[in-house]
PDB file of N, CA and C in Angstrom:
ATOM      1  N   GLY A   1      -2.777 -17.577   1.546  1.00  0.00           N
ATOM      2  CA  GLY A   1      -2.300 -18.191   0.829  1.00  0.00           C
ATOM      3  C   GLY A   1      -0.453 -18.651   0.968  1.00  0.00           C
ATOM      4  N   SER A   2       0.582 -19.714   0.863  1.00  0.00           N
ATOM      5  CA  SER A   2       1.495 -20.089   1.083  1.00  0.00           C
ATOM      6  C   SER A   2       2.499 -18.726   0.288  1.00  0.00           C
ATOM      7  N   GLY A   3       1.676 -18.891  -0.880  1.00  0.00           N
ATOM      8  CA  GLY A   3       2.871 -18.560  -2.471  1.00  0.00           C
ATOM      9  C   GLY A   3       3.440 -16.719  -1.753  1.00  0.00           C
ATOM     10  N   PRO A   4       1.284 -16.020  -1.469  1.00  0.00           N
ATOM     11  CA  PRO A   4       2.202 -14.652  -1.160  1.00  0.00           C
ATOM     12  C   PRO A   4       2.252 -14.935   0.152  1.00  0.00           C
ATOM     13  N   THR A   5       2.460 -15.307   1.311  1.00  0.00           N
ATOM     14  CA  THR A   5       3.242 -15.842   2.382  1.00  0.00           C
ATOM     15  C   THR A   5       4.391 -15.576   1.850  1.00  0.00           C
ATOM     16  N   ASP A   6       5.350 -17.067   1.926  1.00  0.00           N
ATOM     17  CA  ASP A   6       6.583 -16.633   0.874  1.00  0.00           C
ATOM     18  C   ASP A   6       7.401 -15.904   0.101  1.00  0.00           C
ATOM     19  N   PHE A   7       6.300 -15.031  -0.637  1.00  0.00           N
ATOM     20  CA  PHE A   7       6.804 -14.372  -1.528  1.00  0.00           C
ATOM     21  C   PHE A   7       7.351 -12.992  -0.514  1.00  0.00           C
ATOM     22  N   LEU A   8       6.265 -12.991   0.334  1.00  0.00           N
ATOM     23  CA  LEU A   8       6.538 -11.716   1.500  1.00  0.00           C
ATOM     24  C   LEU A   8       7.674 -11.596   2.231  1.00  0.00           C
ATOM     25  N   LYS A   9       8.136 -13.253   2.799  1.00  0.00           N
ATOM     26  CA  LYS A   9       9.462 -13.161   3.665  1.00  0.00           C
ATOM     27  C   LYS A   9      10.459 -13.268   3.152  1.00  0.00           C
ATOM     28  N   GLU A  10      10.168 -13.324   2.075  1.00  0.00           N
ATOM     29  CA  GLU A  10      11.536 -13.187   0.407  1.00  0.00           C
ATOM     30  C   GLU A  10      12.100 -11.697   0.616  1.00  0.00           C
ATOM     31  N   GLN A  11      10.469 -10.950   0.348  1.00  0.00           N
ATOM     32  CA  GLN A  11      10.669  -9.552   0.369  1.00  0.00           C
ATOM     33  C   GLN A  11      11.142  -9.128   2.002  1.00  0.00           C
ATOM     34  N   LEU A  12      10.503  -9.311   3.074  1.00  0.00           N
ATOM     35  CA  LEU A  12      10.564  -8.730   4.358  1.00  0.00           C
ATOM     36  C   LEU A  12      11.551  -9.570   5.214  1.00  0.00           C
ATOM     37  N   GLY A  13      12.355 -10.570   5.207  1.00  0.00           N
ATOM     38  CA  GLY A  13      12.723 -11.209   6.019  1.00  0.00           C
ATOM     39  C   GLY A  13      11.528 -12.193   7.508  1.00  0.00           C
ATOM     40  N   GLY A  14      12.215 -12.276   7.954  1.00  0.00           N
ATOM     41  CA  GLY A  14      11.690 -12.404   9.900  1.00  0.00           C
ATOM     42  C   GLY A  14      10.027 -11.456   9.829  1.00  0.00           C
ATOM     43  N   ARG A  15       9.819 -10.995   9.453  1.00  0.00           N
ATOM     44  CA  ARG A  15       8.856  -9.422   9.534  1.00  0.00           C
ATOM     45  C   ARG A  15       7.520  -9.888   9.450  1.00  0.00           C
ATOM     46  N   VAL A  16       7.525 -11.571   8.774  1.00  0.00           N
ATOM     47  CA  VAL A  16       5.995 -11.815   7.938  1.00  0.00           C
ATOM     48  C   VAL A  16       6.066 -13.390   8.977  1.00  0.00           C
ATOM     49  N   GLU A  17       4.610 -13.280   9.382  1.00  0.00           N
ATOM     50  CA  GLU A  17       4.566 -14.521   9.778  1.00  0.00           C
ATOM     51  C   GLU A  17       3.882 -15.460   9.208  1.00  0.00           C
ATOM     52  N   GLY A  18       3.314 -16.253   9.191  1.00  0.00           N
ATOM     53  CA  GLY A  18       2.449 -17.021   8.023  1.00  0.00           C
ATOM     54  C   GLY A  18       1.149 -17.536   9.285  1.00  0.00           C
ATOM     55  N   MET A  19      -0.215 -17.803   8.183  1.00  0.00           N
ATOM     56  CA  MET A  19      -1.195 -18.457   8.873  1.00  0.00           C
ATOM     57  C   MET A  19      -2.244 -19.478   8.301  1.00  0.00           C
ATOM     58  N   THR A  20      -2.290 -20.300   9.263  1.00  0.00           N
ATOM     59  CA  THR A  20      -2.841 -21.906   8.636  1.00  0.00           C
ATOM     60  C   THR A  20      -4.180 -21.257   9.178  1.00  0.00           C
ATOM     61  N   PHE A  21      -5.898 -21.220   8.415  1.00  0.00           N
ATOM     62  CA  PHE A  21      -6.723 -21.537   8.597  1.00  0.00           C
ATOM     63  C   PHE A  21      -7.274 -23.010   8.881  1.00  0.00           C
ATOM     64  N   THR A  22      -7.144 -22.917  10.238  1.00  0.00           N
ATOM     65  CA  THR A  22      -7.733 -25.014  10.561  1.00  0.00           C
ATOM     66  C   THR A  22      -9.627 -24.602  11.115  1.00  0.00           C
ATOM     67  N   LEU A  23      -9.770 -25.736  11.767  1.00  0.00           N
ATOM     68  CA  LEU A  23     -11.426 -25.145  12.248  1.00  0.00           C
ATOM     69  C   LEU A  23     -10.834 -24.692  14.118  1.00  0.00           C
ATOM     70  N   LYS A  24      -9.256 -25.183  14.548  1.00  0.00           N
ATOM     71  CA  LYS A  24      -9.497 -23.760  15.997  1.00  0.00           C
ATOM     72  C   LYS A  24      -8.683 -22.527  15.775  1.00  0.00           C
ATOM     73  N   SER A  25      -7.444 -23.050  14.451  1.00  0.00           N
ATOM     74  CA  SER A  25      -6.988 -21.232  14.629  1.00  0.00           C
ATOM     75  C   SER A  25      -8.183 -20.411  13.936  1.00  0.00           C
ATOM     76  N   LYS A  26      -9.192 -20.572  13.533  1.00  0.00           N
ATOM     77  CA  LYS A  26     -10.627 -19.351  12.593  1.00  0.00           C
ATOM     78  C   LYS A  26     -11.280 -19.555  14.395  1.00  0.00           C
ATOM     79  N   LYS A  27     -11.869 -20.725  14.872  1.00  0.00           N
ATOM     80  CA  LYS A  27     -12.566 -20.450  15.936  1.00  0.00           C
ATOM     81  C   LYS A  27     -11.564 -19.742  17.102  1.00  0.00           C
ATOM     82  N   ASP A  28     -10.754 -19.757  17.402  1.00  0.00           N
ATOM     83  CA  ASP A  28      -9.959 -19.096  18.179  1.00  0.00           C
ATOM     84  C   ASP A  28      -9.995 -17.089  17.612  1.00  0.00           C
ATOM     85  N   MET A  29      -9.466 -17.404  16.545  1.00  0.00           N
ATOM     86  CA  MET A  29      -9.594 -15.839  15.651  1.00  0.00           C
ATOM     87  C   MET A  29     -11.053 -15.115  16.146  1.00  0.00           C
ATOM     88  N   TYR A  30     -12.061 -16.201  15.855  1.00  0.00           N
ATOM     89  CA  TYR A  30     -12.811 -14.986  15.645  1.00  0.00           C
ATOM     90  C   TYR A  30     -13.695 -15.033  17.134  1.00  0.00           C
ATOM     91  N   SER A  31     -13.192 -15.806  18.670  1.00  0.00           N
ATOM     92  CA  SER A  31     -13.358 -15.719  19.310  1.00  0.00           C
ATOM     93  C   SER A  31     -12.648 -14.667  20.171  1.00  0.00           C
ATOM     94  N   ASN A  32     -11.401 -14.647  20.097  1.00  0.00           N
ATOM     95  CA  ASN A  32     -10.807 -12.784  19.967  1.00  0.00           C
ATOM     96  C   ASN A  32     -11.655 -11.704  19.708  1.00  0.00           C
ATOM     97  N   LEU A  33     -11.919 -11.863  18.114  1.00  0.00           N
ATOM     98  CA  LEU A  33     -12.691 -10.766  17.345  1.00  0.00           C
ATOM     99  C   LEU A  33     -13.994 -10.197  18.174  1.00  0.00           C
ATOM    100  N   THR A  34     -14.713 -11.420  18.729  1.00  0.00           N
ATOM    101  CA  THR A  34     -16.065 -11.469  19.570  1.00  0.00           C
ATOM    102  C   THR A  34     -15.792 -10.742  21.229  1.00  0.00           C
ATOM    103  N   LYS A  35     -14.515 -10.736  21.760  1.00  0.00           N
ATOM    104  CA  LYS A  35     -13.731 -10.888  22.991  1.00  0.00           C
ATOM    105  C   LYS A  35     -14.110  -8.531  22.100  1.00  0.00           C
ATOM    106  N   MET A  36     -13.164  -8.878  21.053  1.00  0.00           N
ATOM    107  CA  MET A  36     -12.822  -7.354  21.384  1.00  0.00           C
ATOM    108  C   MET A  36     -14.110  -6.145  21.101  1.00  0.00           C
ATOM    109  N   LEU A  37     -14.982  -6.921  20.125  1.00  0.00           N
ATOM    110  CA  LEU A  37     -16.345  -6.102  20.255  1.00  0.00           C
ATOM    111  C   LEU A  37     -16.963  -6.182  21.109  1.00  0.00           C
ATOM    112  N   GLU A  38     -17.207  -7.531  22.477  1.00  0.00           N
ATOM    113  CA  GLU A  38     -18.370  -7.195  22.838  1.00  0.00           C
ATOM    114  C   GLU A  38     -17.239  -6.074  23.933  1.00  0.00           C
ATOM    115  N   THR A  39     -15.840  -5.953  24.216  1.00  0.00           N
ATOM    116  CA  THR A  39     -15.631  -4.957  25.363  1.00  0.00           C
ATOM    117  C   THR A  39     -15.486  -4.024  24.716  1.00  0.00           C
ATOM    118  N   GLY A  40     -15.526  -3.573  23.541  1.00  0.00           N
ATOM    119  CA  GLY A  40     -16.037  -1.789  23.247  1.00  0.00           C
ATOM    120  C   GLY A  40     -14.515  -1.494  22.634  1.00  0.00           C
ATOM    121  N   LYS A  41     -13.043  -2.969  22.876  1.00  0.00           N
ATOM    122  CA  LYS A  41     -11.701  -2.313  22.524  1.00  0.00           C
ATOM    123  C   LYS A  41     -12.279  -1.904  20.413  1.00  0.00           C
ATOM    124  N   LEU A  42     -12.978  -2.730  19.979  1.00  0.00           N
ATOM    125  CA  LEU A  42     -12.337  -2.531  19.373  1.00  0.00           C
ATOM    126  C   LEU A  42     -14.796  -1.997  18.680  1.00  0.00           C
ATOM    127  N   LYS A  43     -14.531  -1.406  17.615  1.00  0.00           N
ATOM    128  CA  LYS A  43     -15.468  -0.879  17.031  1.00  0.00           C
ATOM    129  C   LYS A  43     -15.770  -0.772  15.823  1.00  0.00           C
ATOM    130  N   LEU A  44     -16.536  -2.233  15.313  1.00  0.00           N
ATOM    131  CA  LEU A  44     -16.764  -2.146  13.378  1.00  0.00           C
ATOM    132  C   LEU A  44     -16.688  -0.727  12.178  1.00  0.00           C
ATOM    133  N   PRO A  45     -16.369  -0.423  11.725  1.00  0.00           N
ATOM    134  CA  PRO A  45     -16.676   0.190  10.423  1.00  0.00           C
ATOM    135  C   PRO A  45     -17.815   0.645  10.146  1.00  0.00           C
ATOM    136  N   VAL A  46     -18.903   1.121   9.344  1.00  0.00           N
ATOM    137  CA  VAL A  46     -19.026   2.077   8.125  1.00  0.00           C
ATOM    138  C   VAL A  46     -18.678   1.080   7.279  1.00  0.00           C
ATOM    139  N   HIS A  47     -19.421  -0.071   6.608  1.00  0.00           N
ATOM    140  CA  HIS A  47     -17.742  -0.511   5.635  1.00  0.00           C
ATOM    141  C   HIS A  47     -19.232  -1.855   5.110  1.00  0.00           C
ATOM    142  N   LYS A  48     -20.388  -1.661   4.755  1.00  0.00           N
ATOM    143  CA  LYS A  48     -21.669  -2.478   3.952  1.00  0.00           C
ATOM    144  C   LYS A  48     -20.476  -4.406   3.122  1.00  0.00           C
ATOM    145  N   LYS A  49     -19.149  -3.823   2.979  1.00  0.00           N
ATOM    146  CA  LYS A  49     -19.229  -5.425   2.561  1.00  0.00           C
ATOM    147  C   LYS A  49     -19.136  -6.029   3.455  1.00  0.00           C
ATOM    148  N   LEU A  50     -18.616  -5.803   4.622  1.00  0.00           N
ATOM    149  CA  LEU A  50     -17.863  -6.535   5.880  1.00  0.00           C
ATOM    150  C   LEU A  50     -18.885  -6.493   6.161  1.00  0.00           C
ATOM    151  N   LEU A  51     -19.884  -5.564   6.693  1.00  0.00           N
ATOM    152  CA  LEU A  51     -20.753  -5.983   7.994  1.00  0.00           C
ATOM    153  C   LEU A  51     -22.017  -7.446   6.558  1.00  0.00           C
ATOM    154  N   ASP A  52     -22.050  -7.599   6.006  1.00  0.00           N
ATOM    155  CA  ASP A  52     -22.406  -8.183   5.166  1.00  0.00           C
ATOM    156  C   ASP A  52     -22.092  -9.584   5.479  1.00  0.00           C
ATOM    157  N   GLU A  53     -21.163  -9.689   4.860  1.00  0.00           N
ATOM    158  CA  GLU A  53     -20.685 -10.523   5.548  1.00  0.00           C
ATOM    159  C   GLU A  53     -19.888 -11.142   6.805  1.00  0.00           C
ATOM    160  N   LEU A  54     -19.959 -10.480   8.052  1.00  0.00           N
ATOM    161  CA  LEU A  54     -19.921 -10.647   9.102  1.00  0.00           C
ATOM    162  C   LEU A  54     -21.302 -11.264   9.313  1.00  0.00           C
ATOM    163  N   PHE A  55     -22.614 -10.968   8.723  1.00  0.00           N
ATOM    164  CA  PHE A  55     -23.968 -11.516   9.227  1.00  0.00           C
ATOM    165  C   PHE A  55     -24.212 -12.800   8.670  1.00  0.00           C
ATOM    166  N   ASP A  56     -23.750 -12.602   7.868  1.00  0.00           N
ATOM    167  CA  ASP A  56     -23.975 -13.963   6.701  1.00  0.00           C
ATOM    168  C   ASP A  56     -23.297 -15.098   6.990  1.00  0.00           C
ATOM    169  N   LEU A  57     -22.189 -15.466   7.967  1.00  0.00           N
ATOM    170  CA  LEU A  57     -20.911 -15.699   8.922  1.00  0.00           C
ATOM    171  C   LEU A  57     -22.073 -17.092   9.312  1.00  0.00           C
ATOM    172  N   ARG A  58     -21.576 -18.152   8.992  1.00  0.00           N
ATOM    173  CA  ARG A  58     -22.289 -19.817   9.958  1.00  0.00           C
ATOM    174  C   ARG A  58     -21.519 -20.759  10.824  1.00  0.00           C
ATOM    175  N   TYR A  59     -22.219 -20.517  11.668  1.00  0.00           N
ATOM    176  CA  TYR A  59     -21.602 -21.494  13.243  1.00  0.00           C
ATOM    177  C   TYR A  59     -21.786 -22.972  12.351  1.00  0.00           C
ATOM    178  N   GLU A  60     -21.551 -23.758  13.111  1.00  0.00           N
ATOM    179  CA  GLU A  60     -21.573 -25.578  12.686  1.00  0.00           C
ATOM    180  C   GLU A  60     -21.057 -26.025  13.312  1.00  0.00           C
ATOM    181  N   LEU A  61     -21.224 -27.336  14.079  1.00  0.00           N
ATOM    182  CA  LEU A  61     -20.615 -27.745  15.019  1.00  0.00           C
ATOM    183  C   LEU A  61     -20.590 -29.230  14.289  1.00  0.00           C
ATOM    184  N   THR A  62     -19.038 -29.671  14.273  1.00  0.00           N
ATOM    185  CA  THR A  62     -18.787 -30.332  13.259  1.00  0.00           C
ATOM    186  C   THR A  62     -18.763 -31.977  13.703  1.00  0.00           C
ATOM    187  N   GLY A  63     -18.847 -33.415  13.740  1.00  0.00           N
ATOM    188  CA  GLY A  63     -18.867 -34.794  14.009  1.00  0.00           C
ATOM    189  C   GLY A  63     -18.380 -35.079  15.373  1.00  0.00           C
ATOM    190  N   THR A  64     -16.910 -34.430  15.024  1.00  0.00           N
ATOM    191  CA  THR A  64     -16.196 -34.172  15.534  1.00  0.00           C
ATOM    192  C   THR A  64     -15.925 -33.373  17.413  1.00  0.00           C
ATOM    193  N   GLY A  65     -17.419 -32.415  16.695  1.00  0.00           N
ATOM    194  CA  GLY A  65     -17.678 -31.428  18.616  1.00  0.00           C
ATOM    195  C   GLY A  65     -16.548 -30.348  17.802  1.00  0.00           C
ATOM    196  N   GLU A  66     -16.290 -30.274  17.057  1.00  0.00           N
ATOM    197  CA  GLU A  66     -15.929 -28.396  16.568  1.00  0.00           C
ATOM    198  C   GLU A  66     -16.237 -27.439  16.175  1.00  0.00           C
ATOM    199  N   VAL A  67     -15.759 -26.739  16.184  1.00  0.00           N
ATOM    200  CA  VAL A  67     -17.020 -25.372  15.460  1.00  0.00           C
ATOM    201  C   VAL A  67     -16.438 -25.152  14.033  1.00  0.00           C
ATOM    202  N   LYS A  68     -17.706 -24.774  13.312  1.00  0.00           N
ATOM    203  CA  LYS A  68     -16.613 -24.679  11.933  1.00  0.00           C
ATOM    204  C   LYS A  68     -17.926 -23.230  11.751  1.00  0.00           C
ATOM    205  N   ILE A  69     -16.401 -21.606  11.142  1.00  0.00           N
ATOM    206  CA  ILE A  69     -17.059 -21.151  10.843  1.00  0.00           C
ATOM    207  C   ILE A  69     -16.575 -20.547   8.981  1.00  0.00           C
ATOM    208  N   HIS A  70     -18.089 -20.232   8.913  1.00  0.00           N
ATOM    209  CA  HIS A  70     -18.062 -20.611   7.453  1.00  0.00           C
ATOM    210  C   HIS A  70     -18.710 -19.481   6.737  1.00  0.00           C
ATOM    211  N   HIS A  71     -19.001 -19.644   5.587  1.00  0.00           N
ATOM    212  CA  HIS A  71     -19.936 -18.818   4.910  1.00  0.00           C
ATOM    213  C   HIS A  71     -21.432 -19.356   4.033  1.00  0.00           C
ATOM    214  N   ALA A  72     -22.625 -18.695   4.118  1.00  0.00           N
ATOM    215  CA  ALA A  72     -23.247 -19.298   3.171  1.00  0.00           C
ATOM    216  C   ALA A  72     -23.127 -19.862   2.389  1.00  0.00           C
ATOM    217  N   GLU A  73     -24.202 -21.225   1.675  1.00  0.00           N
ATOM    218  CA  GLU A  73     -23.129 -20.960  -0.298  1.00  0.00           C
ATOM    219  C   GLU A  73     -23.052 -20.119  -1.087  1.00  0.00           C
ATOM    220  N   GLY A  74     -22.692 -20.010  -1.973  1.00  0.00           N
ATOM    221  CA  GLY A  74     -22.662 -19.269  -2.430  1.00  0.00           C
ATOM    222  C   GLY A  74     -22.281 -17.392  -2.106  1.00  0.00           C
ATOM    223  N   GLY A  75     -21.805 -17.570  -0.633  1.00  0.00           N
ATOM    224  CA  GLY A  75     -21.268 -16.618  -0.592  1.00  0.00           C
ATOM    225  C   GLY A  75     -19.362 -15.979   0.229  1.00  0.00           C
ATOM    226  N   LYS A  76     -18.987 -15.221   1.051  1.00  0.00           N
ATOM    227  CA  LYS A  76     -18.163 -14.971   0.361  1.00  0.00           C
ATOM    228  C   LYS A  76     -17.421 -14.543   2.366  1.00  0.00           C
ATOM    229  N   ASP A  77     -16.819 -14.708   2.957  1.00  0.00           N
ATOM    230  CA  ASP A  77     -15.960 -13.966   4.414  1.00  0.00           C
ATOM    231  C   ASP A  77     -14.701 -13.568   4.807  1.00  0.00           C
ATOM    232  N   ASP A  78     -13.732 -12.792   3.003  1.00  0.00           N
ATOM    233  CA  ASP A  78     -12.840 -12.820   2.913  1.00  0.00           C
ATOM    234  C   ASP A  78     -12.689 -11.230   3.981  1.00  0.00           C
ATOM    235  N   TYR A  79     -13.315 -10.016   4.482  1.00  0.00           N
ATOM    236  CA  TYR A  79     -13.470  -9.160   5.036  1.00  0.00           C
ATOM    237  C   TYR A  79     -13.865  -9.981   6.625  1.00  0.00           C
ATOM    238  N   PRO A  80     -14.789 -10.868   7.310  1.00  0.00           N
ATOM    239  CA  PRO A  80     -14.325 -11.005   8.270  1.00  0.00           C
ATOM    240  C   PRO A  80     -13.295 -11.685   8.593  1.00  0.00           C
ATOM    241  N   ASP A  81     -13.077 -12.512   7.971  1.00  0.00           N
ATOM    242  CA  ASP A  81     -11.447 -13.651   7.922  1.00  0.00           C
ATOM    243  C   ASP A  81      -9.991 -12.556   8.048  1.00  0.00           C
ATOM    244  N   ALA A  82     -10.303 -11.174   6.960  1.00  0.00           N
ATOM    245  CA  ALA A  82      -9.424 -10.195   7.563  1.00  0.00           C
ATOM    246  C   ALA A  82      -9.457  -9.090   8.657  1.00  0.00           C
ATOM    247  N   LEU A  83      -9.882  -9.294   8.993  1.00  0.00           N
ATOM    248  CA  LEU A  83     -10.427  -8.283  10.509  1.00  0.00           C
ATOM    249  C   LEU A  83     -10.081  -9.810  11.241  1.00  0.00           C
ATOM    250  N   ALA A  84     -10.944 -10.613  11.304  1.00  0.00           N
ATOM    251  CA  ALA A  84     -10.398 -11.104  12.755  1.00  0.00           C
ATOM    252  C   ALA A  84      -8.731 -11.414  12.850  1.00  0.00           C
ATOM    253  N   LEU A  85      -8.186 -11.510  11.436  1.00  0.00           N
ATOM    254  CA  LEU A  85      -7.244 -12.206  11.859  1.00  0.00           C
ATOM    255  C   LEU A  85      -6.561 -10.624  11.998  1.00  0.00           C
ATOM    256  N   GLY A  86      -6.586  -9.531  11.713  1.00  0.00           N
ATOM    257  CA  GLY A  86      -5.737  -8.418  11.998  1.00  0.00           C
ATOM    258  C   GLY A  86      -6.196  -7.938  13.739  1.00  0.00           C
ATOM    259  N   VAL A  87      -7.400  -8.183  13.771  1.00  0.00           N
ATOM    260  CA  VAL A  87      -6.792  -8.349  15.651  1.00  0.00           C
ATOM    261  C   VAL A  87      -6.865  -9.332  16.172  1.00  0.00           C
ATOM    262  N   TRP A  88      -6.538 -10.641  15.435  1.00  0.00           N
ATOM    263  CA  TRP A  88      -5.421 -11.439  15.867  1.00  0.00           C
ATOM    264  C   TRP A  88      -4.176 -11.273  16.210  1.00  0.00           C
ATOM    265  N   PHE A  89      -3.218 -10.618  14.629  1.00  0.00           N
ATOM    266  CA  PHE A  89      -2.247  -9.928  15.357  1.00  0.00           C
ATOM    267  C   PHE A  89      -1.681  -9.284  16.441  1.00  0.00           C
ATOM    268  N   PHE A  90      -2.707  -8.080  16.262  1.00  0.00           N
ATOM    269  CA  PHE A  90      -2.350  -7.567  17.714  1.00  0.00           C
ATOM    270  C   PHE A  90      -2.775  -7.721  18.429  1.00  0.00           C
ATOM    271  N   ARG A  91      -3.414  -8.770  18.720  1.00  0.00           N
ATOM    272  CA  ARG A  91      -3.057  -9.916  20.562  1.00  0.00           C
ATOM    273  C   ARG A  91      -1.804  -9.994  19.889  1.00  0.00           C
ATOM    274  N   LYS A  92      -1.283 -10.985  19.273  1.00  0.00           N
ATOM    275  CA  LYS A  92       0.163 -11.604  19.638  1.00  0.00           C
ATOM    276  C   LYS A  92       1.104 -10.912  20.158  1.00  0.00           C
ATOM    277  N   ALA A  93       1.394  -9.661  19.048  1.00  0.00           N
ATOM    278  CA  ALA A  93       2.086  -8.867  18.938  1.00  0.00           C
ATOM    279  C   ALA A  93       2.424  -8.396  20.936  1.00  0.00           C
ATOM    280  N   LYS A  94       1.182  -7.911  20.978  1.00  0.00           N
ATOM    281  CA  LYS A  94       1.609  -7.664  22.275  1.00  0.00           C
ATOM    282  C   LYS A  94       1.697  -8.410  23.086  1.00  0.00           C
ATOM    283  N   SER A  95       1.293  -9.169  23.576  1.00  0.00           N
ATOM    284  CA  SER A  95       2.007 -10.506  23.885  1.00  0.00           C
ATOM    285  C   SER A  95       3.825 -11.332  23.511  1.00  0.00           C
ATOM    286  N   LYS A  96       4.092 -11.276  22.812  1.00  0.00           N
ATOM    287  CA  LYS A  96       5.771 -10.851  22.561  1.00  0.00           C
ATOM    288  C   LYS A  96       5.716  -9.545  22.704  1.00  0.00           C
ATOM    289  N   GLY A  97       5.818  -8.209  23.347  1.00  0.00           N
ATOM    290  CA  GLY A  97       5.927  -7.304  23.650  1.00  0.00           C
ATOM    291  C   GLY A  97       7.168  -6.426  22.372  1.00  0.00           C
ATOM    292  N   TYR A  98       5.699  -6.436  21.103  1.00  0.00           N
ATOM    293  CA  TYR A  98       5.534  -5.421  20.245  1.00  0.00           C
ATOM    294  C   TYR A  98       5.569  -4.345  20.500  1.00  0.00           C
ATOM    295  N   PHE A  99       5.944  -2.864  20.452  1.00  0.00           N
ATOM    296  CA  PHE A  99       4.711  -1.773  20.641  1.00  0.00           C
ATOM    297  C   PHE A  99       4.513  -0.907  18.891  1.00  0.00           C
ATOM    298  N   ILE A 100       3.180  -0.962  19.205  1.00  0.00           N
ATOM    299  CA  ILE A 100       2.383  -1.238  18.595  1.00  0.00           C
ATOM    300  C   ILE A 100       1.105   0.714  17.916  1.00  0.00           C
ATOM    301  N   ALA A 101       1.227   0.823  18.060  1.00  0.00           N
ATOM    302  CA  ALA A 101       1.412   2.912  18.228  1.00  0.00           C
ATOM    303  C   ALA A 101       0.093   3.313  17.162  1.00  0.00           C
TER     304      ALA A 101
END
């Protein structure tokens, strides 16, 4: 959320970049995650909550033709979102020329 992002920006300055989840940004992050998994550049850890939430994700086409990625009613997608966001950051960092060890 914007509260934690603002706090971290205040503490760490320019090293923090916020991310607003929209239908497009979430679709882009999950497309990137899928690509990384399919090409073998990323291996999923054996983590029950992550795997349960990944298998519970729903993909829905909206009335405007956009893809909506979300959890089932009563479910959560916190772990998959965190993974997709982390992988997205590395993609962006690489394109900006950041060195990541």
